[in-house]
Amino acid sequence: MPTITLTLTDDQVVELIEQLPPNQQSLVYQRLAKKKWGRWIEASQGTDDEARRLAQARGLDWDTLNEDERMQLANELVHEERGR
Protein backbone atom coordinates (compact mmCIF):
# COMPACT_ATOMS: atom_id res chain seq x y z
CA MET A 1 0.00 0.00 0.00
CA PRO A 2 1.51 3.38 -0.96
CA THR A 3 2.26 5.95 1.71
CA ILE A 4 0.69 9.37 1.35
CA THR A 5 2.39 12.41 2.81
CA LEU A 6 0.23 15.40 3.66
CA THR A 7 1.90 18.73 4.34
CA LEU A 8 -0.06 21.12 6.56
CA THR A 9 0.70 24.51 7.99
CA ASP A 10 0.64 24.97 11.76
CA ASP A 11 -2.63 26.86 11.42
CA GLN A 12 -4.19 23.99 9.47
CA VAL A 13 -3.17 21.51 12.16
CA VAL A 14 -4.69 23.72 14.85
CA GLU A 15 -7.89 24.06 12.81
CA LEU A 16 -8.12 20.27 12.50
CA ILE A 17 -7.65 19.82 16.23
CA GLU A 18 -10.29 22.47 16.93
CA GLN A 19 -12.78 20.40 14.90
CA LEU A 20 -12.43 17.51 17.35
CA PRO A 21 -14.88 17.10 20.22
CA PRO A 22 -13.64 18.78 23.44
CA ASN A 23 -12.65 15.51 25.12
CA GLN A 24 -10.52 14.50 22.13
CA GLN A 25 -8.97 17.97 21.98
CA SER A 26 -8.03 17.55 25.62
CA LEU A 27 -6.34 14.22 24.86
CA VAL A 28 -4.32 15.83 22.06
CA TYR A 29 -3.23 18.67 24.33
CA GLN A 30 -2.30 16.27 27.11
CA ARG A 31 -0.20 14.14 24.77
CA LEU A 32 1.56 17.21 23.41
CA ALA A 33 2.13 18.59 26.90
CA LYS A 34 3.50 15.28 28.10
CA LYS A 35 5.78 15.03 25.09
CA LYS A 36 7.09 18.58 25.41
CA TRP A 37 7.00 18.95 29.19
CA GLY A 38 7.44 15.35 30.33
CA ARG A 39 11.09 15.89 31.14
CA TRP A 40 10.30 19.21 32.77
CA ILE A 41 7.78 17.48 35.00
CA GLU A 42 10.29 14.78 35.91
CA ALA A 43 12.95 17.40 36.54
CA SER A 44 10.57 19.52 38.55
CA GLN A 45 10.00 16.59 40.86
CA GLY A 46 13.71 16.75 41.58
CA THR A 47 13.72 20.54 41.82
CA ASP A 48 10.69 21.04 43.97
CA ASP A 49 11.41 24.70 44.63
CA GLU A 50 10.94 25.66 40.97
CA ALA A 51 7.84 23.49 40.61
CA ARG A 52 6.38 25.04 43.76
CA ARG A 53 7.15 28.54 42.49
CA LEU A 54 5.47 27.94 39.11
CA ALA A 55 2.43 26.37 40.76
CA GLN A 56 2.18 29.10 43.41
CA ALA A 57 2.28 31.79 40.70
CA ARG A 58 -0.95 30.21 39.44
CA GLY A 59 -2.54 29.94 42.87
CA LEU A 60 -1.79 26.22 43.17
CA ASP A 61 0.01 24.14 45.77
CA TRP A 62 2.44 21.80 43.98
CA ASP A 63 2.61 19.43 46.93
CA THR A 64 -1.12 18.75 46.89
CA LEU A 65 -1.43 18.34 43.09
CA ASN A 66 -1.89 14.81 41.80
CA GLU A 67 -0.22 13.65 38.57
CA ASP A 68 -3.18 14.70 36.42
CA GLU A 69 -3.21 18.17 37.97
CA ARG A 70 0.53 18.50 37.42
CA MET A 71 0.00 17.51 33.78
CA GLN A 72 -2.72 20.16 33.53
CA LEU A 73 -0.26 22.74 34.85
CA ALA A 74 2.27 21.65 32.22
CA ASN A 75 -0.47 21.90 29.59
CA GLU A 76 -1.22 25.47 30.67
CA LEU A 77 2.47 26.33 30.46
CA VAL A 78 2.58 24.97 26.90
CA HIS A 79 -0.39 27.13 25.91
CA GLU A 80 1.20 30.19 27.50
CA GLU A 81 4.44 29.52 25.63
CA ARG A 82 2.58 29.17 22.32
CA GLY A 83 0.89 32.52 22.92
CA ARG A 84 4.18 34.38 23.16
PDB file of N, CA and C in Angstrom:
ATOM      1  N   MET A   1       0.846  -1.176   0.000  1.00  0.00           N
ATOM      2  CA  MET A   1       0.000   0.000   0.000  1.00  0.00           C
ATOM      3  C   MET A   1       0.892   1.239   0.000  1.00  0.00           C
ATOM      4  N   PRO A   2       0.667   2.183  -0.895  1.00  0.00           N
ATOM      5  CA  PRO A   2       1.509   3.380  -0.958  1.00  0.00           C
ATOM      6  C   PRO A   2       1.282   4.292   0.249  1.00  0.00           C
ATOM      7  N   THR A   3       2.328   4.988   0.615  1.00  0.00           N
ATOM      8  CA  THR A   3       2.258   5.949   1.708  1.00  0.00           C
ATOM      9  C   THR A   3       1.955   7.317   1.137  1.00  0.00           C
ATOM     10  N   ILE A   4       1.050   8.018   1.779  1.00  0.00           N
ATOM     11  CA  ILE A   4       0.693   9.369   1.350  1.00  0.00           C
ATOM     12  C   ILE A   4       1.224  10.351   2.388  1.00  0.00           C
ATOM     13  N   THR A   5       1.886  11.381   1.920  1.00  0.00           N
ATOM     14  CA  THR A   5       2.392  12.415   2.808  1.00  0.00           C
ATOM     15  C   THR A   5       1.555  13.666   2.607  1.00  0.00           C
ATOM     16  N   LEU A   6       1.047  14.191   3.694  1.00  0.00           N
ATOM     17  CA  LEU A   6       0.227  15.399   3.664  1.00  0.00           C
ATOM     18  C   LEU A   6       0.988  16.498   4.392  1.00  0.00           C
ATOM     19  N   THR A   7       1.194  17.602   3.731  1.00  0.00           N
ATOM     20  CA  THR A   7       1.897  18.725   4.339  1.00  0.00           C
ATOM     21  C   THR A   7       0.871  19.784   4.734  1.00  0.00           C
ATOM     22  N   LEU A   8       0.870  20.127   6.021  1.00  0.00           N
ATOM     23  CA  LEU A   8      -0.062  21.117   6.556  1.00  0.00           C
ATOM     24  C   LEU A   8       0.702  22.227   7.242  1.00  0.00           C
ATOM     25  N   THR A   9       0.114  23.410   7.222  1.00  0.00           N
ATOM     26  CA  THR A   9       0.699  24.505   7.994  1.00  0.00           C
ATOM     27  C   THR A   9       0.318  24.315   9.461  1.00  0.00           C
ATOM     28  N   ASP A  10       0.990  25.025  10.337  1.00  0.00           N
ATOM     29  CA  ASP A  10       0.642  24.968  11.758  1.00  0.00           C
ATOM     30  C   ASP A  10      -0.810  25.365  11.981  1.00  0.00           C
ATOM     31  N   ASP A  11      -1.245  26.404  11.278  1.00  0.00           N
ATOM     32  CA  ASP A  11      -2.630  26.858  11.425  1.00  0.00           C
ATOM     33  C   ASP A  11      -3.624  25.787  10.991  1.00  0.00           C
ATOM     34  N   GLN A  12      -3.300  25.060   9.933  1.00  0.00           N
ATOM     35  CA  GLN A  12      -4.189  23.994   9.473  1.00  0.00           C
ATOM     36  C   GLN A  12      -4.285  22.869  10.504  1.00  0.00           C
ATOM     37  N   VAL A  13      -3.163  22.544  11.126  1.00  0.00           N
ATOM     38  CA  VAL A  13      -3.170  21.507  12.157  1.00  0.00           C
ATOM     39  C   VAL A  13      -4.039  21.952  13.323  1.00  0.00           C
ATOM     40  N   VAL A  14      -3.886  23.190  13.746  1.00  0.00           N
ATOM     41  CA  VAL A  14      -4.689  23.716  14.850  1.00  0.00           C
ATOM     42  C   VAL A  14      -6.171  23.690  14.474  1.00  0.00           C
ATOM     43  N   GLU A  15      -6.494  24.082  13.252  1.00  0.00           N
ATOM     44  CA  GLU A  15      -7.888  24.060  12.808  1.00  0.00           C
ATOM     45  C   GLU A  15      -8.459  22.645  12.847  1.00  0.00           C
ATOM     46  N   LEU A  16      -7.661  21.665  12.447  1.00  0.00           N
ATOM     47  CA  LEU A  16      -8.119  20.272  12.502  1.00  0.00           C
ATOM     48  C   LEU A  16      -8.387  19.841  13.938  1.00  0.00           C
ATOM     49  N   ILE A  17      -7.474  20.188  14.829  1.00  0.00           N
ATOM     50  CA  ILE A  17      -7.651  19.824  16.233  1.00  0.00           C
ATOM     51  C   ILE A  17      -8.897  20.498  16.805  1.00  0.00           C
ATOM     52  N   GLU A  18      -9.126  21.738  16.417  1.00  0.00           N
ATOM     53  CA  GLU A  18     -10.290  22.467  16.926  1.00  0.00           C
ATOM     54  C   GLU A  18     -11.609  21.869  16.442  1.00  0.00           C
ATOM     55  N   GLN A  19     -11.568  21.059  15.397  1.00  0.00           N
ATOM     56  CA  GLN A  19     -12.778  20.395  14.899  1.00  0.00           C
ATOM     57  C   GLN A  19     -13.118  19.146  15.715  1.00  0.00           C
ATOM     58  N   LEU A  20     -12.183  18.685  16.519  1.00  0.00           N
ATOM     59  CA  LEU A  20     -12.427  17.509  17.351  1.00  0.00           C
ATOM     60  C   LEU A  20     -13.376  17.856  18.496  1.00  0.00           C
ATOM     61  N   PRO A  21     -14.088  16.863  19.022  1.00  0.00           N
ATOM     62  CA  PRO A  21     -14.884  17.098  20.225  1.00  0.00           C
ATOM     63  C   PRO A  21     -13.964  17.511  21.381  1.00  0.00           C
ATOM     64  N   PRO A  22     -14.469  18.273  22.335  1.00  0.00           N
ATOM     65  CA  PRO A  22     -13.636  18.779  23.436  1.00  0.00           C
ATOM     66  C   PRO A  22     -12.818  17.702  24.159  1.00  0.00           C
ATOM     67  N   ASN A  23     -13.401  16.539  24.401  1.00  0.00           N
ATOM     68  CA  ASN A  23     -12.647  15.506  25.122  1.00  0.00           C
ATOM     69  C   ASN A  23     -11.470  15.001  24.292  1.00  0.00           C
ATOM     70  N   GLN A  24     -11.627  14.928  22.979  1.00  0.00           N
ATOM     71  CA  GLN A  24     -10.521  14.499  22.131  1.00  0.00           C
ATOM     72  C   GLN A  24      -9.471  15.602  21.996  1.00  0.00           C
ATOM     73  N   GLN A  25      -9.917  16.857  21.969  1.00  0.00           N
ATOM     74  CA  GLN A  25      -8.966  17.972  21.976  1.00  0.00           C
ATOM     75  C   GLN A  25      -8.104  17.904  23.224  1.00  0.00           C
ATOM     76  N   SER A  26      -8.744  17.642  24.355  1.00  0.00           N
ATOM     77  CA  SER A  26      -8.026  17.547  25.618  1.00  0.00           C
ATOM     78  C   SER A  26      -6.963  16.451  25.572  1.00  0.00           C
ATOM     79  N   LEU A  27      -7.312  15.317  24.984  1.00  0.00           N
ATOM     80  CA  LEU A  27      -6.341  14.222  24.864  1.00  0.00           C
ATOM     81  C   LEU A  27      -5.152  14.638  24.010  1.00  0.00           C
ATOM     82  N   VAL A  28      -5.412  15.358  22.926  1.00  0.00           N
ATOM     83  CA  VAL A  28      -4.320  15.830  22.061  1.00  0.00           C
ATOM     84  C   VAL A  28      -3.417  16.765  22.854  1.00  0.00           C
ATOM     85  N   TYR A  29      -4.017  17.715  23.560  1.00  0.00           N
ATOM     86  CA  TYR A  29      -3.227  18.675  24.333  1.00  0.00           C
ATOM     87  C   TYR A  29      -2.416  17.977  25.425  1.00  0.00           C
ATOM     88  N   GLN A  30      -3.023  16.993  26.071  1.00  0.00           N
ATOM     89  CA  GLN A  30      -2.295  16.266  27.113  1.00  0.00           C
ATOM     90  C   GLN A  30      -1.112  15.509  26.531  1.00  0.00           C
ATOM     91  N   ARG A  31      -1.305  14.877  25.393  1.00  0.00           N
ATOM     92  CA  ARG A  31      -0.200  14.138  24.766  1.00  0.00           C
ATOM     93  C   ARG A  31       0.911  15.086  24.361  1.00  0.00           C
ATOM     94  N   LEU A  32       0.542  16.236  23.803  1.00  0.00           N
ATOM     95  CA  LEU A  32       1.558  17.210  23.414  1.00  0.00           C
ATOM     96  C   LEU A  32       2.283  17.767  24.632  1.00  0.00           C
ATOM     97  N   ALA A  33       1.517  18.060  25.673  1.00  0.00           N
ATOM     98  CA  ALA A  33       2.131  18.585  26.903  1.00  0.00           C
ATOM     99  C   ALA A  33       3.078  17.564  27.498  1.00  0.00           C
ATOM    100  N   LYS A  34       2.651  16.321  27.528  1.00  0.00           N
ATOM    101  CA  LYS A  34       3.498  15.277  28.103  1.00  0.00           C
ATOM    102  C   LYS A  34       4.768  15.110  27.271  1.00  0.00           C
ATOM    103  N   LYS A  35       4.618  15.182  25.963  1.00  0.00           N
ATOM    104  CA  LYS A  35       5.781  15.033  25.092  1.00  0.00           C
ATOM    105  C   LYS A  35       6.761  16.193  25.285  1.00  0.00           C
ATOM    106  N   LYS A  36       6.227  17.410  25.296  1.00  0.00           N
ATOM    107  CA  LYS A  36       7.091  18.583  25.414  1.00  0.00           C
ATOM    108  C   LYS A  36       7.575  18.807  26.846  1.00  0.00           C
ATOM    109  N   TRP A  37       6.689  18.596  27.811  1.00  0.00           N
ATOM    110  CA  TRP A  37       7.000  18.951  29.187  1.00  0.00           C
ATOM    111  C   TRP A  37       7.262  17.754  30.081  1.00  0.00           C
ATOM    112  N   GLY A  38       7.228  16.545  29.519  1.00  0.00           N
ATOM    113  CA  GLY A  38       7.439  15.348  30.329  1.00  0.00           C
ATOM    114  C   GLY A  38       8.739  15.390  31.112  1.00  0.00           C
ATOM    115  N   ARG A  39       9.798  15.790  30.441  1.00  0.00           N
ATOM    116  CA  ARG A  39      11.092  15.888  31.137  1.00  0.00           C
ATOM    117  C   ARG A  39      11.090  17.009  32.156  1.00  0.00           C
ATOM    118  N   TRP A  40      10.390  18.108  31.812  1.00  0.00           N
ATOM    119  CA  TRP A  40      10.296  19.205  32.774  1.00  0.00           C
ATOM    120  C   TRP A  40       9.593  18.732  34.026  1.00  0.00           C
ATOM    121  N   ILE A  41       8.524  17.972  33.849  1.00  0.00           N
ATOM    122  CA  ILE A  41       7.777  17.482  35.003  1.00  0.00           C
ATOM    123  C   ILE A  41       8.657  16.561  35.838  1.00  0.00           C
ATOM    124  N   GLU A  42       9.381  15.661  35.177  1.00  0.00           N
ATOM    125  CA  GLU A  42      10.287  14.778  35.908  1.00  0.00           C
ATOM    126  C   GLU A  42      11.350  15.590  36.631  1.00  0.00           C
ATOM    127  N   ALA A  43      11.911  16.563  35.930  1.00  0.00           N
ATOM    128  CA  ALA A  43      12.953  17.395  36.539  1.00  0.00           C
ATOM    129  C   ALA A  43      12.396  18.208  37.698  1.00  0.00           C
ATOM    130  N   SER A  44      11.160  18.693  37.510  1.00  0.00           N
ATOM    131  CA  SER A  44      10.573  19.521  38.554  1.00  0.00           C
ATOM    132  C   SER A  44      10.319  18.722  39.821  1.00  0.00           C
ATOM    133  N   GLN A  45      10.165  17.414  39.672  1.00  0.00           N
ATOM    134  CA  GLN A  45       9.996  16.594  40.862  1.00  0.00           C
ATOM    135  C   GLN A  45      11.310  16.538  41.637  1.00  0.00           C
ATOM    136  N   GLY A  46      12.415  16.704  40.923  1.00  0.00           N
ATOM    137  CA  GLY A  46      13.713  16.751  41.576  1.00  0.00           C
ATOM    138  C   GLY A  46      14.058  18.148  42.047  1.00  0.00           C
ATOM    139  N   THR A  47      13.489  19.144  41.432  1.00  0.00           N
ATOM    140  CA  THR A  47      13.719  20.538  41.818  1.00  0.00           C
ATOM    141  C   THR A  47      12.396  21.132  42.292  1.00  0.00           C
ATOM    142  N   ASP A  48      11.994  20.682  43.423  1.00  0.00           N
ATOM    143  CA  ASP A  48      10.687  21.040  43.966  1.00  0.00           C
ATOM    144  C   ASP A  48      10.496  22.537  44.141  1.00  0.00           C
ATOM    145  N   ASP A  49      11.566  23.263  44.415  1.00  0.00           N
ATOM    146  CA  ASP A  49      11.413  24.702  44.631  1.00  0.00           C
ATOM    147  C   ASP A  49      10.878  25.389  43.383  1.00  0.00           C
ATOM    148  N   GLU A  50      11.404  25.045  42.217  1.00  0.00           N
ATOM    149  CA  GLU A  50      10.940  25.657  40.966  1.00  0.00           C
ATOM    150  C   GLU A  50       9.506  25.240  40.663  1.00  0.00           C
ATOM    151  N   ALA A  51       9.203  23.972  40.852  1.00  0.00           N
ATOM    152  CA  ALA A  51       7.842  23.487  40.614  1.00  0.00           C
ATOM    153  C   ALA A  51       6.861  24.192  41.553  1.00  0.00           C
ATOM    154  N   ARG A  52       7.247  24.349  42.804  1.00  0.00           N
ATOM    155  CA  ARG A  52       6.380  25.035  43.764  1.00  0.00           C
ATOM    156  C   ARG A  52       6.168  26.492  43.353  1.00  0.00           C
ATOM    157  N   ARG A  53       7.231  27.139  42.890  1.00  0.00           N
ATOM    158  CA  ARG A  53       7.148  28.542  42.488  1.00  0.00           C
ATOM    159  C   ARG A  53       6.195  28.711  41.304  1.00  0.00           C
ATOM    160  N   LEU A  54       6.334  27.852  40.284  1.00  0.00           N
ATOM    161  CA  LEU A  54       5.467  27.939  39.112  1.00  0.00           C
ATOM    162  C   LEU A  54       4.008  27.668  39.479  1.00  0.00           C
ATOM    163  N   ALA A  55       3.794  26.686  40.329  1.00  0.00           N
ATOM    164  CA  ALA A  55       2.429  26.369  40.764  1.00  0.00           C
ATOM    165  C   ALA A  55       1.859  27.522  41.598  1.00  0.00           C
ATOM    166  N   GLN A  56       2.653  28.024  42.525  1.00  0.00           N
ATOM    167  CA  GLN A  56       2.184  29.098  43.413  1.00  0.00           C
ATOM    168  C   GLN A  56       1.825  30.347  42.614  1.00  0.00           C
ATOM    169  N   ALA A  57       2.573  30.625  41.538  1.00  0.00           N
ATOM    170  CA  ALA A  57       2.281  31.788  40.698  1.00  0.00           C
ATOM    171  C   ALA A  57       0.894  31.675  40.060  1.00  0.00           C
ATOM    172  N   ARG A  58       0.383  30.462  40.013  1.00  0.00           N
ATOM    173  CA  ARG A  58      -0.946  30.215  39.442  1.00  0.00           C
ATOM    174  C   ARG A  58      -1.981  29.894  40.520  1.00  0.00           C
ATOM    175  N   GLY A  59      -1.623  30.168  41.772  1.00  0.00           N
ATOM    176  CA  GLY A  59      -2.544  29.938  42.869  1.00  0.00           C
ATOM    177  C   GLY A  59      -2.717  28.473  43.241  1.00  0.00           C
ATOM    178  N   LEU A  60      -1.719  27.652  42.902  1.00  0.00           N
ATOM    179  CA  LEU A  60      -1.790  26.218  43.175  1.00  0.00           C
ATOM    180  C   LEU A  60      -0.728  25.804  44.187  1.00  0.00           C
ATOM    181  N   ASP A  61      -0.956  24.700  44.838  1.00  0.00           N
ATOM    182  CA  ASP A  61       0.013  24.135  45.774  1.00  0.00           C
ATOM    183  C   ASP A  61       0.569  22.855  45.153  1.00  0.00           C
ATOM    184  N   TRP A  62       1.808  22.919  44.679  1.00  0.00           N
ATOM    185  CA  TRP A  62       2.438  21.803  43.978  1.00  0.00           C
ATOM    186  C   TRP A  62       2.370  20.512  44.793  1.00  0.00           C
ATOM    187  N   ASP A  63       2.559  20.621  46.080  1.00  0.00           N
ATOM    188  CA  ASP A  63       2.614  19.431  46.932  1.00  0.00           C
ATOM    189  C   ASP A  63       1.280  18.699  47.037  1.00  0.00           C
ATOM    190  N   THR A  64       0.189  19.406  46.791  1.00  0.00           N
ATOM    191  CA  THR A  64      -1.117  18.748  46.885  1.00  0.00           C
ATOM    192  C   THR A  64      -1.671  18.344  45.514  1.00  0.00           C
ATOM    193  N   LEU A  65      -0.971  18.704  44.431  1.00  0.00           N
ATOM    194  CA  LEU A  65      -1.431  18.336  43.089  1.00  0.00           C
ATOM    195  C   LEU A  65      -1.156  16.864  42.824  1.00  0.00           C
ATOM    196  N   ASN A  66      -2.137  16.192  42.227  1.00  0.00           N
ATOM    197  CA  ASN A  66      -1.887  14.813  41.802  1.00  0.00           C
ATOM    198  C   ASN A  66      -1.247  14.844  40.408  1.00  0.00           C
ATOM    199  N   GLU A  67      -0.910  13.697  39.868  1.00  0.00           N
ATOM    200  CA  GLU A  67      -0.221  13.649  38.573  1.00  0.00           C
ATOM    201  C   GLU A  67      -1.032  14.315  37.464  1.00  0.00           C
ATOM    202  N   ASP A  68      -2.336  14.084  37.437  1.00  0.00           N
ATOM    203  CA  ASP A  68      -3.179  14.705  36.418  1.00  0.00           C
ATOM    204  C   ASP A  68      -3.177  16.223  36.538  1.00  0.00           C
ATOM    205  N   GLU A  69      -3.223  16.723  37.755  1.00  0.00           N
ATOM    206  CA  GLU A  69      -3.206  18.169  37.969  1.00  0.00           C
ATOM    207  C   GLU A  69      -1.851  18.764  37.580  1.00  0.00           C
ATOM    208  N   ARG A  70      -0.796  18.026  37.836  1.00  0.00           N
ATOM    209  CA  ARG A  70       0.529  18.495  37.421  1.00  0.00           C
ATOM    210  C   ARG A  70       0.634  18.520  35.899  1.00  0.00           C
ATOM    211  N   MET A  71       0.034  17.534  35.237  1.00  0.00           N
ATOM    212  CA  MET A  71       0.004  17.514  33.777  1.00  0.00           C
ATOM    213  C   MET A  71      -0.814  18.697  33.256  1.00  0.00           C
ATOM    214  N   GLN A  72      -1.904  19.014  33.924  1.00  0.00           N
ATOM    215  CA  GLN A  72      -2.717  20.162  33.527  1.00  0.00           C
ATOM    216  C   GLN A  72      -1.906  21.442  33.631  1.00  0.00           C
ATOM    217  N   LEU A  73      -1.127  21.570  34.698  1.00  0.00           N
ATOM    218  CA  LEU A  73      -0.257  22.736  34.849  1.00  0.00           C
ATOM    219  C   LEU A  73       0.729  22.804  33.690  1.00  0.00           C
ATOM    220  N   ALA A  74       1.338  21.681  33.345  1.00  0.00           N
ATOM    221  CA  ALA A  74       2.271  21.649  32.217  1.00  0.00           C
ATOM    222  C   ALA A  74       1.554  22.037  30.928  1.00  0.00           C
ATOM    223  N   ASN A  75       0.321  21.564  30.767  1.00  0.00           N
ATOM    224  CA  ASN A  75      -0.475  21.900  29.593  1.00  0.00           C
ATOM    225  C   ASN A  75      -0.703  23.408  29.518  1.00  0.00           C
ATOM    226  N   GLU A  76      -1.013  24.023  30.633  1.00  0.00           N
ATOM    227  CA  GLU A  76      -1.215  25.470  30.675  1.00  0.00           C
ATOM    228  C   GLU A  76       0.068  26.204  30.305  1.00  0.00           C
ATOM    229  N   LEU A  77       1.192  25.707  30.782  1.00  0.00           N
ATOM    230  CA  LEU A  77       2.474  26.330  30.457  1.00  0.00           C
ATOM    231  C   LEU A  77       2.758  26.252  28.958  1.00  0.00           C
ATOM    232  N   VAL A  78       2.400  25.121  28.350  1.00  0.00           N
ATOM    233  CA  VAL A  78       2.583  24.968  26.904  1.00  0.00           C
ATOM    234  C   VAL A  78       1.755  26.007  26.171  1.00  0.00           C
ATOM    235  N   HIS A  79       0.480  26.165  26.582  1.00  0.00           N
ATOM    236  CA  HIS A  79      -0.390  27.132  25.913  1.00  0.00           C
ATOM    237  C   HIS A  79       0.121  28.554  26.099  1.00  0.00           C
ATOM    238  N   GLU A  80       0.648  28.857  27.262  1.00  0.00           N
ATOM    239  CA  GLU A  80       1.197  30.189  27.500  1.00  0.00           C
ATOM    240  C   GLU A  80       2.403  30.423  26.596  1.00  0.00           C
ATOM    241  N   GLU A  81       3.242  29.406  26.462  1.00  0.00           N
ATOM    242  CA  GLU A  81       4.437  29.521  25.628  1.00  0.00           C
ATOM    243  C   GLU A  81       4.062  29.713  24.166  1.00  0.00           C
ATOM    244  N   ARG A  82       3.023  29.027  23.710  1.00  0.00           N
ATOM    245  CA  ARG A  82       2.583  29.169  22.317  1.00  0.00           C
ATOM    246  C   ARG A  82       2.039  30.564  22.063  1.00  0.00           C
ATOM    247  N   GLY A  83       1.466  31.201  23.086  1.00  0.00           N
ATOM    248  CA  GLY A  83       0.886  32.518  22.923  1.00  0.00           C
ATOM    249  C   GLY A  83       1.904  33.639  22.858  1.00  0.00           C
ATOM    250  N   ARG A  84       3.132  33.325  23.156  1.00  0.00           N
ATOM    251  CA  ARG A  84       4.181  34.376  23.165  1.00  0.00           C
ATOM    252  C   ARG A  84       4.748  34.592  21.795  1.00  0.00           C
TER     253      ARG A  84
END
